[in-house]
Every structure is written in structure tokens, then in C-alpha cells.
Amino acid sequence: MRSRSDRELIREVEPGTVYVDRETGEEFEIVGKVLPLAPSASDLPWAVENLRLCGCSLEQLAPKDVNDCPHCGRRLPALGSES
């Protein structure tokens, strides 16, 4: 949600409810939606420290704790190996 003064808030909202910034008194407008991540074989949270590059031509990020790239299906090299 965002107010006219560009203050932002991320929270679960109820349909039809008006949300007001308690500091400025401005009404918040819903400007986006947080979507859940797709199901994954990884048990790690989606964060920079838990990701690595696949290495294929797609150069997509893949979780460190999976054996196969979720984007191209290619087997990922072992962590710490030189390839």
C-alpha cells in the first residue's frame, strides 16, 4: 500500500477496508500484490546468500541446496568445486 506522500506499507489487507497512515492521516492505496513463490525442492528461503548461478546459457539463479537447476533441468556442480 502507498500513501500520497509515498510512504509504503506491506501487509495483509481485508477487502473493502480503508487503511489510513497513523502519522500523516493519509489514506493508503493498494498498488501491488505479493505473490507466493512457486513450489520448490529447496528448503532454504529465497535470499541472495542461498542462491547460485546455474551456469547454463539462461544464467538463472538456483537455490544452493538443489541438485538440478529448476529452470533448465541441468545437473548443478557440487558447491565449492572448480568447473
N, C-alpha and C. Protein backbone atom coordinates (compact mmCIF):
# COMPACT_ATOMS: atom_id res chain seq x y z
N MET A 1 0.86 -1.16 0.00
CA MET A 1 0.00 0.00 0.00
C MET A 1 0.90 1.23 0.00
N ARG A 2 0.40 2.31 -0.57
CA ARG A 2 1.18 3.55 -0.65
C ARG A 2 0.26 4.74 -0.38
N SER A 3 0.80 5.71 0.37
CA SER A 3 0.05 6.95 0.61
C SER A 3 0.48 8.01 -0.40
N ARG A 4 -0.23 9.14 -0.43
CA ARG A 4 0.11 10.21 -1.36
C ARG A 4 1.51 10.75 -1.12
N SER A 5 2.00 10.69 0.12
CA SER A 5 3.34 11.18 0.44
C SER A 5 4.41 10.11 0.21
N ASP A 6 4.05 9.03 -0.50
CA ASP A 6 4.95 7.94 -0.88
C ASP A 6 5.42 7.08 0.29
N ARG A 7 4.70 7.10 1.40
CA ARG A 7 5.00 6.16 2.48
C ARG A 7 4.41 4.83 2.07
N GLU A 8 5.17 3.75 2.26
CA GLU A 8 4.73 2.43 1.82
C GLU A 8 4.60 1.47 2.99
N LEU A 9 3.71 0.50 2.83
CA LEU A 9 3.45 -0.49 3.85
C LEU A 9 3.11 -1.80 3.16
N ILE A 10 3.68 -2.89 3.65
CA ILE A 10 3.35 -4.21 3.13
C ILE A 10 2.66 -4.97 4.25
N ARG A 11 1.42 -5.36 3.98
CA ARG A 11 0.65 -6.12 4.97
C ARG A 11 -0.53 -6.79 4.30
N GLU A 12 -1.09 -7.76 4.99
CA GLU A 12 -2.30 -8.43 4.51
C GLU A 12 -3.48 -7.48 4.70
N VAL A 13 -4.32 -7.36 3.68
CA VAL A 13 -5.46 -6.44 3.77
C VAL A 13 -6.77 -7.19 3.65
N GLU A 14 -7.81 -6.59 4.19
CA GLU A 14 -9.17 -7.11 4.10
C GLU A 14 -9.89 -6.35 2.99
N PRO A 15 -10.59 -7.04 2.10
CA PRO A 15 -11.33 -6.35 1.03
C PRO A 15 -12.35 -5.36 1.61
N GLY A 16 -12.40 -4.17 1.01
CA GLY A 16 -13.36 -3.16 1.43
C GLY A 16 -12.95 -2.33 2.63
N THR A 17 -11.82 -2.63 3.25
CA THR A 17 -11.36 -1.89 4.41
C THR A 17 -10.50 -0.71 3.97
N VAL A 18 -10.69 0.44 4.61
CA VAL A 18 -9.89 1.62 4.31
C VAL A 18 -8.75 1.67 5.32
N TYR A 19 -7.52 1.81 4.83
CA TYR A 19 -6.35 1.88 5.69
C TYR A 19 -5.80 3.30 5.66
N VAL A 20 -5.50 3.85 6.85
CA VAL A 20 -5.05 5.23 6.98
C VAL A 20 -3.69 5.24 7.67
N ASP A 21 -2.77 6.05 7.16
CA ASP A 21 -1.45 6.22 7.77
C ASP A 21 -1.64 6.96 9.10
N ARG A 22 -1.24 6.35 10.20
CA ARG A 22 -1.49 6.97 11.50
C ARG A 22 -0.60 8.18 11.75
N GLU A 23 0.51 8.34 10.99
CA GLU A 23 1.37 9.51 11.18
C GLU A 23 0.92 10.71 10.35
N THR A 24 0.48 10.47 9.11
CA THR A 24 0.10 11.58 8.23
C THR A 24 -1.41 11.74 8.08
N GLY A 25 -2.18 10.71 8.41
CA GLY A 25 -3.62 10.76 8.24
C GLY A 25 -4.08 10.50 6.81
N GLU A 26 -3.13 10.22 5.92
CA GLU A 26 -3.46 9.97 4.51
C GLU A 26 -3.96 8.54 4.33
N GLU A 27 -4.86 8.39 3.39
CA GLU A 27 -5.40 7.07 3.07
C GLU A 27 -4.39 6.30 2.21
N PHE A 28 -4.18 5.03 2.54
CA PHE A 28 -3.31 4.18 1.73
C PHE A 28 -4.07 3.66 0.52
N GLU A 29 -3.36 3.55 -0.60
CA GLU A 29 -3.91 2.98 -1.82
C GLU A 29 -3.19 1.66 -2.08
N ILE A 30 -3.91 0.63 -2.44
CA ILE A 30 -3.29 -0.65 -2.76
C ILE A 30 -2.68 -0.54 -4.14
N VAL A 31 -1.35 -0.73 -4.23
CA VAL A 31 -0.65 -0.57 -5.50
C VAL A 31 0.02 -1.85 -5.99
N GLY A 32 -0.01 -2.90 -5.21
CA GLY A 32 0.64 -4.14 -5.62
C GLY A 32 0.14 -5.32 -4.83
N LYS A 33 0.64 -6.48 -5.22
CA LYS A 33 0.23 -7.71 -4.57
C LYS A 33 1.46 -8.60 -4.43
N VAL A 34 1.68 -9.13 -3.25
CA VAL A 34 2.79 -10.04 -3.00
C VAL A 34 2.29 -11.45 -3.31
N LEU A 35 2.96 -12.10 -4.23
CA LEU A 35 2.56 -13.45 -4.63
C LEU A 35 3.45 -14.48 -3.97
N PRO A 36 2.91 -15.63 -3.62
CA PRO A 36 3.75 -16.69 -3.05
C PRO A 36 4.69 -17.26 -4.10
N LEU A 37 5.82 -17.76 -3.65
CA LEU A 37 6.75 -18.41 -4.57
C LEU A 37 6.17 -19.74 -5.03
N ALA A 38 6.59 -20.15 -6.20
CA ALA A 38 6.16 -21.44 -6.72
C ALA A 38 6.74 -22.56 -5.84
N PRO A 39 6.11 -23.71 -5.82
CA PRO A 39 6.66 -24.83 -5.06
C PRO A 39 8.10 -25.13 -5.49
N SER A 40 8.94 -25.49 -4.54
CA SER A 40 10.35 -25.72 -4.83
C SER A 40 10.86 -26.91 -4.04
N ALA A 41 11.87 -27.56 -4.57
CA ALA A 41 12.52 -28.67 -3.86
C ALA A 41 13.43 -28.15 -2.76
N SER A 42 13.70 -26.85 -2.76
CA SER A 42 14.60 -26.24 -1.79
C SER A 42 13.90 -26.00 -0.46
N ASP A 43 14.65 -26.18 0.63
CA ASP A 43 14.15 -25.86 1.96
C ASP A 43 14.67 -24.51 2.44
N LEU A 44 15.51 -23.85 1.63
CA LEU A 44 16.11 -22.58 2.02
C LEU A 44 15.22 -21.41 1.61
N PRO A 45 15.24 -20.31 2.39
CA PRO A 45 14.49 -19.12 1.98
C PRO A 45 15.13 -18.50 0.73
N TRP A 46 14.32 -17.82 -0.08
CA TRP A 46 14.81 -17.20 -1.32
C TRP A 46 15.54 -15.92 -0.94
N ALA A 47 16.86 -16.03 -0.73
CA ALA A 47 17.70 -14.90 -0.34
C ALA A 47 19.04 -15.03 -1.06
N VAL A 48 19.71 -13.90 -1.25
CA VAL A 48 20.96 -13.86 -2.02
C VAL A 48 21.98 -14.88 -1.51
N GLU A 49 22.10 -14.99 -0.19
CA GLU A 49 23.12 -15.89 0.37
C GLU A 49 22.80 -17.37 0.13
N ASN A 50 21.60 -17.69 -0.30
CA ASN A 50 21.21 -19.08 -0.55
C ASN A 50 21.09 -19.42 -2.03
N LEU A 51 21.55 -18.54 -2.91
CA LEU A 51 21.40 -18.74 -4.35
C LEU A 51 22.75 -18.84 -5.04
N ARG A 52 22.75 -19.46 -6.21
CA ARG A 52 23.94 -19.51 -7.07
C ARG A 52 23.48 -19.49 -8.52
N LEU A 53 24.39 -19.14 -9.44
CA LEU A 53 24.04 -19.14 -10.85
C LEU A 53 24.05 -20.56 -11.38
N CYS A 54 23.12 -20.86 -12.26
CA CYS A 54 23.01 -22.19 -12.84
C CYS A 54 24.24 -22.52 -13.68
N GLY A 55 24.70 -21.59 -14.48
CA GLY A 55 25.85 -21.86 -15.33
C GLY A 55 25.48 -22.15 -16.77
N CYS A 56 24.20 -22.34 -17.05
CA CYS A 56 23.78 -22.58 -18.43
C CYS A 56 23.64 -21.24 -19.14
N SER A 57 23.23 -21.27 -20.37
CA SER A 57 23.09 -20.03 -21.14
C SER A 57 21.98 -19.14 -20.60
N LEU A 58 21.07 -19.69 -19.80
CA LEU A 58 19.99 -18.88 -19.23
C LEU A 58 20.48 -18.00 -18.08
N GLU A 59 21.58 -18.40 -17.43
CA GLU A 59 22.18 -17.69 -16.30
C GLU A 59 21.13 -17.33 -15.24
N GLN A 60 20.35 -18.31 -14.84
CA GLN A 60 19.30 -18.10 -13.84
C GLN A 60 19.82 -18.46 -12.46
N LEU A 61 19.21 -17.87 -11.44
CA LEU A 61 19.57 -18.19 -10.06
C LEU A 61 18.87 -19.48 -9.64
N ALA A 62 19.61 -20.29 -8.90
CA ALA A 62 19.08 -21.56 -8.40
C ALA A 62 19.44 -21.68 -6.91
N PRO A 63 18.58 -22.27 -6.10
CA PRO A 63 18.90 -22.47 -4.69
C PRO A 63 20.14 -23.35 -4.54
N LYS A 64 20.93 -23.10 -3.49
CA LYS A 64 22.16 -23.85 -3.27
C LYS A 64 21.91 -25.30 -2.86
N ASP A 65 20.74 -25.61 -2.32
CA ASP A 65 20.51 -26.96 -1.79
C ASP A 65 19.77 -27.89 -2.74
N VAL A 66 19.70 -27.56 -4.04
CA VAL A 66 19.09 -28.48 -5.00
C VAL A 66 20.15 -29.03 -5.95
N ASN A 67 19.93 -30.22 -6.48
CA ASN A 67 20.90 -30.85 -7.37
C ASN A 67 20.71 -30.46 -8.83
N ASP A 68 19.48 -30.17 -9.23
CA ASP A 68 19.18 -29.84 -10.62
C ASP A 68 18.62 -28.43 -10.70
N CYS A 69 19.00 -27.71 -11.76
CA CYS A 69 18.50 -26.35 -11.97
C CYS A 69 16.99 -26.39 -12.20
N PRO A 70 16.22 -25.58 -11.46
CA PRO A 70 14.77 -25.58 -11.65
C PRO A 70 14.33 -24.94 -12.98
N HIS A 71 15.24 -24.25 -13.67
CA HIS A 71 14.90 -23.56 -14.92
C HIS A 71 15.20 -24.41 -16.15
N CYS A 72 16.39 -25.04 -16.19
CA CYS A 72 16.77 -25.79 -17.39
C CYS A 72 16.88 -27.29 -17.14
N GLY A 73 16.84 -27.73 -15.87
CA GLY A 73 16.91 -29.15 -15.55
C GLY A 73 18.33 -29.70 -15.53
N ARG A 74 19.32 -28.87 -15.82
CA ARG A 74 20.72 -29.30 -15.86
C ARG A 74 21.21 -29.63 -14.45
N ARG A 75 22.04 -30.68 -14.33
CA ARG A 75 22.64 -31.05 -13.05
C ARG A 75 23.62 -29.96 -12.64
N LEU A 76 23.49 -29.47 -11.41
CA LEU A 76 24.37 -28.42 -10.91
C LEU A 76 25.64 -29.03 -10.34
N PRO A 77 26.79 -28.37 -10.53
CA PRO A 77 28.02 -28.89 -9.94
C PRO A 77 27.97 -28.80 -8.42
N ALA A 78 28.76 -29.63 -7.76
CA ALA A 78 28.83 -29.60 -6.31
C ALA A 78 29.34 -28.24 -5.85
N LEU A 79 28.85 -27.76 -4.73
CA LEU A 79 29.31 -26.48 -4.21
C LEU A 79 30.79 -26.57 -3.86
N GLY A 80 31.53 -25.52 -4.18
CA GLY A 80 32.95 -25.48 -3.88
C GLY A 80 33.82 -26.15 -4.91
N SER A 81 33.23 -26.80 -5.92
CA SER A 81 34.04 -27.45 -6.96
C SER A 81 34.42 -26.44 -8.02
N GLU A 82 35.56 -26.62 -8.62
CA GLU A 82 36.04 -25.76 -9.70
C GLU A 82 35.55 -26.34 -11.01
N SER A 83 34.74 -25.56 -11.77
CA SER A 83 34.29 -26.06 -13.07
C SER A 83 34.25 -24.96 -14.08
